């Protein structure tokens, strides 16, 4: 508690880089937002006008940790992945004694905006189709030896029929699942095994499915009771959220998603 308050106090001294400031071949436009370790800016390539995203380390991480490791970690993951659905790294360095890197600005709208700002709704079939797209990208990440660990709807973009993933700031190497101590549900997305991204996939599906949910009574019920979905989809999400067993890897989840989607298409 005291540590988090101190961290917020230190980060409160952060000086926002001003619009127009130039960092090599890029010019700062606006501040996009602040995360746990970094602040993101919309920047413009001065010669081409192309937009990109700059991410810099926040004051607490800069002053009290090996701040460059956060930049090195995220850029290393993206360089290994080297995939069109993930941001490309353009450069990294130090500006005003603060580590930063600049990456591709991915096209698309976040599912957070689509659902909560634009009122987009998704059927069970559409949700499964999107889940299949997402789990394929999870498989790419895992096959490279990494985890994303932050697959929330603000970090998943929809761009003309395809999903893009951003914000690899919490990504890490996959570790073996040898924990003997049961985890709390809130810890599932942050653990360092393949199951963490699958847990996030389960929540992604729930957000999609709830987008078309119309409450019929004031009494709050469990999602299993509220959502009108097939038993197979319900069982899939329970496994992703570890209510009833779990998937060992993304390939298992992909195969089950494909089977359920095929069965629904034949109804």
C-alpha atoms as a PDB file:
ATOM      1  CA  UNK A   1       0.000   0.000   0.000  1.00  0.00           C
ATOM      2  CA  UNK A   2       2.725   2.464   1.034  1.00  0.00           C
ATOM      3  CA  UNK A   3       4.846   1.375  -1.923  1.00  0.00           C
ATOM      4  CA  UNK A   4       2.074   2.011  -4.432  1.00  0.00           C
ATOM      5  CA  UNK A   5       1.331   5.427  -2.922  1.00  0.00           C
ATOM      6  CA  UNK A   6       5.015   6.350  -3.104  1.00  0.00           C
ATOM      7  CA  UNK A   7       5.166   5.178  -6.720  1.00  0.00           C
ATOM      8  CA  UNK A   8       2.142   7.287  -7.662  1.00  0.00           C
ATOM      9  CA  UNK A   9       3.639  10.290  -5.878  1.00  0.00           C
ATOM     10  CA  UNK A  10       6.931   9.938  -7.762  1.00  0.00           C
ATOM     11  CA  UNK A  11       5.159   9.446 -11.093  1.00  0.00           C
ATOM     12  CA  UNK A  12       3.211  12.621 -10.361  1.00  0.00           C
ATOM     13  CA  UNK A  13       6.410  14.575 -11.061  1.00  0.00           C
ATOM     14  CA  UNK A  14       6.510  13.325 -14.638  1.00  0.00           C
ATOM     15  CA  UNK A  15       6.992  16.142 -17.151  1.00  0.00           C
ATOM     16  CA  UNK A  16       4.986  15.556 -20.308  1.00  0.00           C
ATOM     17  CA  UNK A  17       7.009  15.933 -23.487  1.00  0.00           C
ATOM     18  CA  UNK A  18       5.576  18.839 -25.427  1.00  0.00           C
ATOM     19  CA  UNK A  19       4.001  18.774 -28.853  1.00  0.00           C
ATOM     20  CA  UNK A  20       6.608  19.714 -31.445  1.00  0.00           C
ATOM     21  CA  UNK A  21       9.608  18.325 -29.569  1.00  0.00           C
ATOM     22  CA  UNK A  22      11.859  16.405 -31.939  1.00  0.00           C
ATOM     23  CA  UNK A  23      13.505  13.079 -31.200  1.00  0.00           C
ATOM     24  CA  UNK A  24      15.795  12.156 -34.083  1.00  0.00           C
ATOM     25  CA  UNK A  25      13.502  11.812 -37.124  1.00  0.00           C
ATOM     26  CA  UNK A  26      10.278  11.933 -35.103  1.00  0.00           C
ATOM     27  CA  UNK A  27       8.226  14.812 -33.725  1.00  0.00           C
ATOM     28  CA  UNK A  28       6.002  14.548 -30.660  1.00  0.00           C
ATOM     29  CA  UNK A  29       2.322  15.205 -31.395  1.00  0.00           C
ATOM     30  CA  UNK A  30       0.211  14.295 -28.342  1.00  0.00           C
ATOM     31  CA  UNK A  31       0.339  12.147 -25.211  1.00  0.00           C
ATOM     32  CA  UNK A  32      -1.738   8.998 -25.718  1.00  0.00           C
ATOM     33  CA  UNK A  33      -1.782   7.736 -22.142  1.00  0.00           C
ATOM     34  CA  UNK A  34       0.142   6.335 -19.204  1.00  0.00           C
ATOM     35  CA  UNK A  35       0.611   2.735 -18.131  1.00  0.00           C
ATOM     36  CA  UNK A  36       2.321   0.945 -15.267  1.00  0.00           C
ATOM     37  CA  UNK A  37       5.826   1.446 -16.602  1.00  0.00           C
ATOM     38  CA  UNK A  38       5.536   3.690 -19.645  1.00  0.00           C
ATOM     39  CA  UNK A  39       3.940   6.789 -21.117  1.00  0.00           C
ATOM     40  CA  UNK A  40       2.912   6.591 -24.784  1.00  0.00           C
ATOM     41  CA  UNK A  41       2.983   9.419 -27.330  1.00  0.00           C
ATOM     42  CA  UNK A  42       1.663   9.848 -30.833  1.00  0.00           C
ATOM     43  CA  UNK A  43       4.676  10.900 -32.933  1.00  0.00           C
ATOM     44  CA  UNK A  44       5.181  11.830 -36.592  1.00  0.00           C
ATOM     45  CA  UNK A  45       8.053  10.967 -38.919  1.00  0.00           C
ATOM     46  CA  UNK A  46       9.167  14.441 -40.017  1.00  0.00           C
ATOM     47  CA  UNK A  47      10.052  13.477 -43.603  1.00  0.00           C
ATOM     48  CA  UNK A  48       7.166  11.154 -44.508  1.00  0.00           C
ATOM     49  CA  UNK A  49       4.455  12.320 -42.115  1.00  0.00           C
ATOM     50  CA  UNK A  50       3.838   8.721 -41.051  1.00  0.00           C
ATOM     51  CA  UNK A  51       2.509   8.309 -37.517  1.00  0.00           C
ATOM     52  CA  UNK A  52       4.159   6.066 -34.935  1.00  0.00           C
ATOM     53  CA  UNK A  53       3.991   5.448 -31.188  1.00  0.00           C
ATOM     54  CA  UNK A  54       6.747   6.415 -28.760  1.00  0.00           C
ATOM     55  CA  UNK A  55       6.882   4.741 -25.365  1.00  0.00           C
ATOM     56  CA  UNK A  56       9.076   6.120 -22.594  1.00  0.00           C
ATOM     57  CA  UNK A  57       9.798   4.951 -19.057  1.00  0.00           C
ATOM     58  CA  UNK A  58       7.893   6.635 -16.212  1.00  0.00           C
ATOM     59  CA  UNK A  59       9.794   8.425 -13.381  1.00  0.00           C
ATOM     60  CA  UNK A  60       9.465   5.720 -10.704  1.00  0.00           C
ATOM     61  CA  UNK A  61      10.877   3.041 -13.012  1.00  0.00           C
ATOM     62  CA  UNK A  62      13.544   5.462 -14.231  1.00  0.00           C
ATOM     63  CA  UNK A  63      14.805   6.456 -10.789  1.00  0.00           C
ATOM     64  CA  UNK A  64      14.372   3.298  -8.724  1.00  0.00           C
ATOM     65  CA  UNK A  65      14.879   0.407 -11.159  1.00  0.00           C
ATOM     66  CA  UNK A  66      17.056  -0.626 -14.069  1.00  0.00           C
ATOM     67  CA  UNK A  67      14.763   1.310 -16.382  1.00  0.00           C
ATOM     68  CA  UNK A  68      16.397   0.267 -19.642  1.00  0.00           C
ATOM     69  CA  UNK A  69      15.406  -3.346 -19.015  1.00  0.00           C
ATOM     70  CA  UNK A  70      11.733  -2.468 -19.615  1.00  0.00           C
ATOM     71  CA  UNK A  71      12.565  -0.978 -23.003  1.00  0.00           C
ATOM     72  CA  UNK A  72      14.928  -3.829 -23.864  1.00  0.00           C
ATOM     73  CA  UNK A  73      12.362  -6.458 -22.884  1.00  0.00           C
ATOM     74  CA  UNK A  74       9.458  -5.108 -24.927  1.00  0.00           C
ATOM     75  CA  UNK A  75      11.571  -4.357 -27.998  1.00  0.00           C
ATOM     76  CA  UNK A  76      13.287  -7.758 -27.835  1.00  0.00           C
ATOM     77  CA  UNK A  77       9.948  -9.580 -27.786  1.00  0.00           C
ATOM     78  CA  UNK A  78       8.608  -7.643 -30.770  1.00  0.00           C
ATOM     79  CA  UNK A  79      11.820  -8.099 -32.734  1.00  0.00           C
ATOM     80  CA  UNK A  80      11.672 -11.861 -32.189  1.00  0.00           C
ATOM     81  CA  UNK A  81       7.993 -12.038 -33.160  1.00  0.00           C
ATOM     82  CA  UNK A  82       8.410  -9.889 -36.304  1.00  0.00           C
ATOM     83  CA  UNK A  83       4.763 -10.364 -37.311  1.00  0.00           C
ATOM     84  CA  UNK A  84       2.412  -8.063 -39.290  1.00  0.00           C
ATOM     85  CA  UNK A  85      -0.259  -8.246 -36.563  1.00  0.00           C
ATOM     86  CA  UNK A  86       2.162  -6.908 -33.926  1.00  0.00           C
ATOM     87  CA  UNK A  87       3.991  -3.524 -33.908  1.00  0.00           C
ATOM     88  CA  UNK A  88       7.340  -3.188 -35.676  1.00  0.00           C
ATOM     89  CA  UNK A  89      10.187  -1.532 -33.759  1.00  0.00           C
ATOM     90  CA  UNK A  90      11.714   1.530 -35.454  1.00  0.00           C
ATOM     91  CA  UNK A  91      14.304   2.720 -32.942  1.00  0.00           C
ATOM     92  CA  UNK A  92      15.190   2.944 -29.266  1.00  0.00           C
ATOM     93  CA  UNK A  93      17.416   5.226 -27.256  1.00  0.00           C
ATOM     94  CA  UNK A  94      17.564   7.843 -24.501  1.00  0.00           C
ATOM     95  CA  UNK A  95      16.053  11.342 -24.707  1.00  0.00           C
ATOM     96  CA  UNK A  96      16.346  13.850 -21.856  1.00  0.00           C
ATOM     97  CA  UNK A  97      17.927  11.069 -19.764  1.00  0.00           C
ATOM     98  CA  UNK A  98      14.817   8.927 -20.240  1.00  0.00           C
ATOM     99  CA  UNK A  99      14.857   5.566 -22.077  1.00  0.00           C
ATOM    100  CA  UNK A 100      12.328   5.254 -24.909  1.00  0.00           C
ATOM    101  CA  UNK A 101      11.512   3.337 -28.071  1.00  0.00           C
ATOM    102  CA  UNK A 102       9.446   4.095 -31.155  1.00  0.00           C
ATOM    103  CA  UNK A 103       7.239   1.514 -32.842  1.00  0.00           C
ATOM    104  CA  UNK A 104       4.671   1.157 -35.582  1.00  0.00           C
ATOM    105  CA  UNK A 105       1.237   2.615 -34.878  1.00  0.00           C
ATOM    106  CA  UNK A 106      -1.127  -0.287 -35.508  1.00  0.00           C
ATOM    107  CA  UNK A 107      -4.343   0.378 -37.394  1.00  0.00           C
ATOM    108  CA  UNK A 108      -7.735  -0.458 -35.966  1.00  0.00           C
ATOM    109  CA  UNK A 109     -10.111   0.290 -33.117  1.00  0.00           C
ATOM    110  CA  UNK A 110      -9.837  -1.352 -29.729  1.00  0.00           C
ATOM    111  CA  UNK A 111     -12.551  -3.775 -28.709  1.00  0.00           C
ATOM    112  CA  UNK A 112     -13.008  -1.601 -25.636  1.00  0.00           C
ATOM    113  CA  UNK A 113     -14.075   1.292 -27.885  1.00  0.00           C
ATOM    114  CA  UNK A 114     -16.095  -0.931 -30.206  1.00  0.00           C
ATOM    115  CA  UNK A 115     -18.156  -2.381 -27.362  1.00  0.00           C
ATOM    116  CA  UNK A 116     -18.444   0.466 -24.870  1.00  0.00           C
ATOM    117  CA  UNK A 117     -18.297   3.571 -27.086  1.00  0.00           C
ATOM    118  CA  UNK A 118     -19.723   2.404 -30.404  1.00  0.00           C
ATOM    119  CA  UNK A 119     -22.204  -0.123 -29.027  1.00  0.00           C
ATOM    120  CA  UNK A 120     -21.025  -2.952 -31.257  1.00  0.00           C
ATOM    121  CA  UNK A 121     -22.624  -6.314 -30.472  1.00  0.00           C
ATOM    122  CA  UNK A 122     -21.433  -9.826 -31.251  1.00  0.00           C
ATOM    123  CA  UNK A 123     -23.350 -13.067 -31.623  1.00  0.00           C
ATOM    124  CA  UNK A 124     -22.054 -16.357 -30.264  1.00  0.00           C
ATOM    125  CA  UNK A 125     -20.819 -17.341 -33.734  1.00  0.00           C
ATOM    126  CA  UNK A 126     -19.078 -13.989 -34.285  1.00  0.00           C
ATOM    127  CA  UNK A 127     -17.486 -14.196 -30.837  1.00  0.00           C
ATOM    128  CA  UNK A 128     -16.084 -17.644 -31.582  1.00  0.00           C
ATOM    129  CA  UNK A 129     -14.726 -16.453 -34.946  1.00  0.00           C
ATOM    130  CA  UNK A 130     -12.899 -13.629 -33.189  1.00  0.00           C
ATOM    131  CA  UNK A 131     -11.706 -16.026 -30.502  1.00  0.00           C
ATOM    132  CA  UNK A 132     -10.226 -18.239 -33.225  1.00  0.00           C
ATOM    133  CA  UNK A 133      -8.368 -15.261 -34.699  1.00  0.00           C
ATOM    134  CA  UNK A 134      -7.029 -14.276 -31.291  1.00  0.00           C
ATOM    135  CA  UNK A 135      -5.929 -17.758 -30.268  1.00  0.00           C
ATOM    136  CA  UNK A 136      -4.018 -18.100 -33.558  1.00  0.00           C
ATOM    137  CA  UNK A 137      -2.013 -15.011 -32.608  1.00  0.00           C
ATOM    138  CA  UNK A 138      -1.532 -16.387 -29.102  1.00  0.00           C
ATOM    139  CA  UNK A 139      -0.102 -19.524 -30.712  1.00  0.00           C
ATOM    140  CA  UNK A 140       2.375 -17.375 -32.682  1.00  0.00           C
ATOM    141  CA  UNK A 141       3.504 -15.652 -29.481  1.00  0.00           C
ATOM    142  CA  UNK A 142       3.810 -18.897 -27.519  1.00  0.00           C
ATOM    143  CA  UNK A 143       5.680 -20.718 -30.298  1.00  0.00           C
ATOM    144  CA  UNK A 144       8.262 -17.931 -30.115  1.00  0.00           C
ATOM    145  CA  UNK A 145       8.732 -18.744 -26.429  1.00  0.00           C
ATOM    146  CA  UNK A 146       6.894 -15.733 -25.036  1.00  0.00           C
ATOM    147  CA  UNK A 147       3.672 -14.750 -23.260  1.00  0.00           C
ATOM    148  CA  UNK A 148       1.778 -11.492 -23.713  1.00  0.00           C
ATOM    149  CA  UNK A 149       0.209 -11.400 -20.209  1.00  0.00           C
ATOM    150  CA  UNK A 150      -1.969  -8.354 -20.900  1.00  0.00           C
ATOM    151  CA  UNK A 151      -4.522  -9.449 -23.501  1.00  0.00           C
ATOM    152  CA  UNK A 152      -7.250  -7.077 -22.398  1.00  0.00           C
ATOM    153  CA  UNK A 153      -9.766  -5.460 -24.759  1.00  0.00           C
ATOM    154  CA  UNK A 154      -7.851  -2.102 -24.827  1.00  0.00           C
ATOM    155  CA  UNK A 155      -4.875  -4.010 -26.279  1.00  0.00           C
ATOM    156  CA  UNK A 156      -6.756  -5.931 -28.978  1.00  0.00           C
ATOM    157  CA  UNK A 157      -7.583  -4.011 -32.171  1.00  0.00           C
ATOM    158  CA  UNK A 158     -10.024  -4.734 -34.995  1.00  0.00           C
ATOM    159  CA  UNK A 159      -8.754  -3.605 -38.399  1.00  0.00           C
ATOM    160  CA  UNK A 160     -10.805  -4.402 -41.512  1.00  0.00           C
ATOM    161  CA  UNK A 161     -11.429  -8.029 -40.687  1.00  0.00           C
ATOM    162  CA  UNK A 162      -8.252  -8.853 -38.779  1.00  0.00           C
ATOM    163  CA  UNK A 163      -7.079  -8.603 -35.178  1.00  0.00           C
ATOM    164  CA  UNK A 164      -3.951  -6.670 -34.185  1.00  0.00           C
ATOM    165  CA  UNK A 165      -2.338  -6.894 -30.737  1.00  0.00           C
ATOM    166  CA  UNK A 166      -0.482  -4.066 -29.003  1.00  0.00           C
ATOM    167  CA  UNK A 167       1.270  -3.334 -25.674  1.00  0.00           C
ATOM    168  CA  UNK A 168       3.804  -6.073 -25.012  1.00  0.00           C
ATOM    169  CA  UNK A 169       5.085  -4.292 -21.902  1.00  0.00           C
ATOM    170  CA  UNK A 170       4.330  -7.242 -19.592  1.00  0.00           C
ATOM    171  CA  UNK A 171       5.491  -9.927 -22.026  1.00  0.00           C
ATOM    172  CA  UNK A 172       7.940 -12.506 -20.721  1.00  0.00           C
ATOM    173  CA  UNK A 173       9.447 -15.889 -21.431  1.00  0.00           C
ATOM    174  CA  UNK A 174       7.188 -18.894 -20.899  1.00  0.00           C
ATOM    175  CA  UNK A 175       7.928 -20.826 -17.732  1.00  0.00           C
ATOM    176  CA  UNK A 176       6.848 -24.307 -16.774  1.00  0.00           C
ATOM    177  CA  UNK A 177       3.680 -24.647 -14.741  1.00  0.00           C
ATOM    178  CA  UNK A 178       5.212 -26.185 -11.621  1.00  0.00           C
ATOM    179  CA  UNK A 179       3.420 -24.124  -8.979  1.00  0.00           C
ATOM    180  CA  UNK A 180       2.016 -26.159  -6.114  1.00  0.00           C
ATOM    181  CA  UNK A 181       0.249 -23.177  -4.553  1.00  0.00           C
ATOM    182  CA  UNK A 182      -3.227 -22.437  -5.974  1.00  0.00           C
ATOM    183  CA  UNK A 183      -3.464 -18.968  -7.507  1.00  0.00           C
ATOM    184  CA  UNK A 184      -6.235 -16.449  -6.996  1.00  0.00           C
ATOM    185  CA  UNK A 185      -8.278 -15.667 -10.112  1.00  0.00           C
ATOM    186  CA  UNK A 186      -6.879 -12.127 -10.214  1.00  0.00           C
ATOM    187  CA  UNK A 187      -3.376 -13.623 -10.514  1.00  0.00           C
ATOM    188  CA  UNK A 188      -4.129 -15.869 -13.486  1.00  0.00           C
ATOM    189  CA  UNK A 189      -3.450 -13.285 -16.202  1.00  0.00           C
ATOM    190  CA  UNK A 190      -0.080 -12.342 -14.724  1.00  0.00           C
ATOM    191  CA  UNK A 191       1.432 -15.780 -14.147  1.00  0.00           C
ATOM    192  CA  UNK A 192       4.242 -16.850 -16.448  1.00  0.00           C
ATOM    193  CA  UNK A 193       2.723 -19.939 -18.046  1.00  0.00           C
ATOM    194  CA  UNK A 194       0.756 -20.436 -21.259  1.00  0.00           C
ATOM    195  CA  UNK A 195      -2.464 -20.577 -19.249  1.00  0.00           C
ATOM    196  CA  UNK A 196      -2.276 -16.841 -18.478  1.00  0.00           C
ATOM    197  CA  UNK A 197      -3.019 -15.804 -22.073  1.00  0.00           C
ATOM    198  CA  UNK A 198      -5.726 -18.463 -22.339  1.00  0.00           C
ATOM    199  CA  UNK A 199      -7.375 -17.055 -19.222  1.00  0.00           C
ATOM    200  CA  UNK A 200      -7.358 -13.664 -20.949  1.00  0.00           C
ATOM    201  CA  UNK A 201      -8.914 -15.280 -24.029  1.00  0.00           C
ATOM    202  CA  UNK A 202     -11.788 -16.472 -21.842  1.00  0.00           C
ATOM    203  CA  UNK A 203     -12.428 -12.934 -20.625  1.00  0.00           C
ATOM    204  CA  UNK A 204     -12.201 -11.615 -24.187  1.00  0.00           C
ATOM    205  CA  UNK A 205     -14.966 -14.016 -25.220  1.00  0.00           C
ATOM    206  CA  UNK A 206     -17.104 -12.962 -22.257  1.00  0.00           C
ATOM    207  CA  UNK A 207     -16.811  -9.282 -23.209  1.00  0.00           C
ATOM    208  CA  UNK A 208     -17.911 -10.114 -26.751  1.00  0.00           C
ATOM    209  CA  UNK A 209     -20.819 -12.279 -25.626  1.00  0.00           C
ATOM    210  CA  UNK A 210     -22.029  -9.775 -23.038  1.00  0.00           C
ATOM    211  CA  UNK A 211     -22.144  -7.072 -25.735  1.00  0.00           C
ATOM    212  CA  UNK A 212     -25.474  -8.494 -26.921  1.00  0.00           C
ATOM    213  CA  UNK A 213     -26.807  -9.407 -23.466  1.00  0.00           C
ATOM    214  CA  UNK A 214     -30.066  -7.753 -22.406  1.00  0.00           C
ATOM    215  CA  UNK A 215     -30.789  -8.133 -18.670  1.00  0.00           C
ATOM    216  CA  UNK A 216     -34.276  -9.414 -17.944  1.00  0.00           C
ATOM    217  CA  UNK A 217     -34.210  -8.927 -14.181  1.00  0.00           C
ATOM    218  CA  UNK A 218     -32.386  -6.777 -11.661  1.00  0.00           C
ATOM    219  CA  UNK A 219     -30.935  -9.668  -9.732  1.00  0.00           C
ATOM    220  CA  UNK A 220     -27.331 -10.273 -10.728  1.00  0.00           C
ATOM    221  CA  UNK A 221     -26.558 -13.837 -11.746  1.00  0.00           C
ATOM    222  CA  UNK A 222     -23.460 -15.697 -12.884  1.00  0.00           C
ATOM    223  CA  UNK A 223     -22.399 -15.405 -16.523  1.00  0.00           C
ATOM    224  CA  UNK A 224     -23.307 -19.073 -17.000  1.00  0.00           C
ATOM    225  CA  UNK A 225     -26.906 -18.212 -16.081  1.00  0.00           C
ATOM    226  CA  UNK A 226     -27.124 -14.868 -17.857  1.00  0.00           C
ATOM    227  CA  UNK A 227     -25.644 -15.688 -21.258  1.00  0.00           C
ATOM    228  CA  UNK A 228     -27.783 -17.610 -23.745  1.00  0.00           C
ATOM    229  CA  UNK A 229     -25.019 -19.675 -25.338  1.00  0.00           C
ATOM    230  CA  UNK A 230     -24.495 -23.302 -26.266  1.00  0.00           C
ATOM    231  CA  UNK A 231     -23.323 -25.775 -23.606  1.00  0.00           C
ATOM    232  CA  UNK A 232     -20.147 -26.324 -25.646  1.00  0.00           C
ATOM    233  CA  UNK A 233     -19.227 -22.624 -25.637  1.00  0.00           C
ATOM    234  CA  UNK A 234     -20.048 -22.424 -21.937  1.00  0.00           C
ATOM    235  CA  UNK A 235     -17.752 -25.370 -21.243  1.00  0.00           C
ATOM    236  CA  UNK A 236     -14.994 -23.843 -23.365  1.00  0.00           C
ATOM    237  CA  UNK A 237     -15.024 -20.605 -21.391  1.00  0.00           C
ATOM    238  CA  UNK A 238     -15.113 -22.495 -18.098  1.00  0.00           C
ATOM    239  CA  UNK A 239     -11.951 -24.327 -19.129  1.00  0.00           C
ATOM    240  CA  UNK A 240     -10.268 -21.091 -20.237  1.00  0.00           C
ATOM    241  CA  UNK A 241     -11.153 -19.537 -16.871  1.00  0.00           C
ATOM    242  CA  UNK A 242     -10.180 -22.786 -15.102  1.00  0.00           C
ATOM    243  CA  UNK A 243     -13.550 -23.459 -13.524  1.00  0.00           C
ATOM    244  CA  UNK A 244     -13.527 -26.990 -14.900  1.00  0.00           C
ATOM    245  CA  UNK A 245     -10.022 -28.157 -15.692  1.00  0.00           C
ATOM    246  CA  UNK A 246      -7.920 -26.142 -18.117  1.00  0.00           C
ATOM    247  CA  UNK A 247      -6.159 -26.248 -21.462  1.00  0.00           C
ATOM    248  CA  UNK A 248      -2.470 -27.100 -21.358  1.00  0.00           C
ATOM    249  CA  UNK A 249      -1.646 -24.966 -24.392  1.00  0.00           C
ATOM    250  CA  UNK A 250      -3.110 -22.670 -27.030  1.00  0.00           C
ATOM    251  CA  UNK A 251      -3.288 -25.452 -29.614  1.00  0.00           C
ATOM    252  CA  UNK A 252      -5.781 -27.365 -27.462  1.00  0.00           C
ATOM    253  CA  UNK A 253      -7.936 -24.258 -27.098  1.00  0.00           C
ATOM    254  CA  UNK A 254      -7.753 -23.634 -30.848  1.00  0.00           C
ATOM    255  CA  UNK A 255      -8.884 -27.162 -31.696  1.00  0.00           C
ATOM    256  CA  UNK A 256     -11.847 -26.928 -29.337  1.00  0.00           C
ATOM    257  CA  UNK A 257     -12.828 -23.502 -30.655  1.00  0.00           C
ATOM    258  CA  UNK A 258     -12.756 -24.825 -34.218  1.00  0.00           C
ATOM    259  CA  UNK A 259     -14.870 -27.851 -33.318  1.00  0.00           C
ATOM    260  CA  UNK A 260     -17.498 -25.787 -31.508  1.00  0.00           C
ATOM    261  CA  UNK A 261     -17.671 -23.277 -34.357  1.00  0.00           C
ATOM    262  CA  UNK A 262     -18.097 -26.083 -36.893  1.00  0.00           C
ATOM    263  CA  UNK A 263     -20.840 -27.719 -34.848  1.00  0.00           C
ATOM    264  CA  UNK A 264     -22.702 -24.405 -34.503  1.00  0.00           C
ATOM    265  CA  UNK A 265     -22.558 -23.858 -38.261  1.00  0.00           C
ATOM    266  CA  UNK A 266     -24.430 -27.135 -38.764  1.00  0.00           C
ATOM    267  CA  UNK A 267     -27.308 -26.332 -36.423  1.00  0.00           C
END
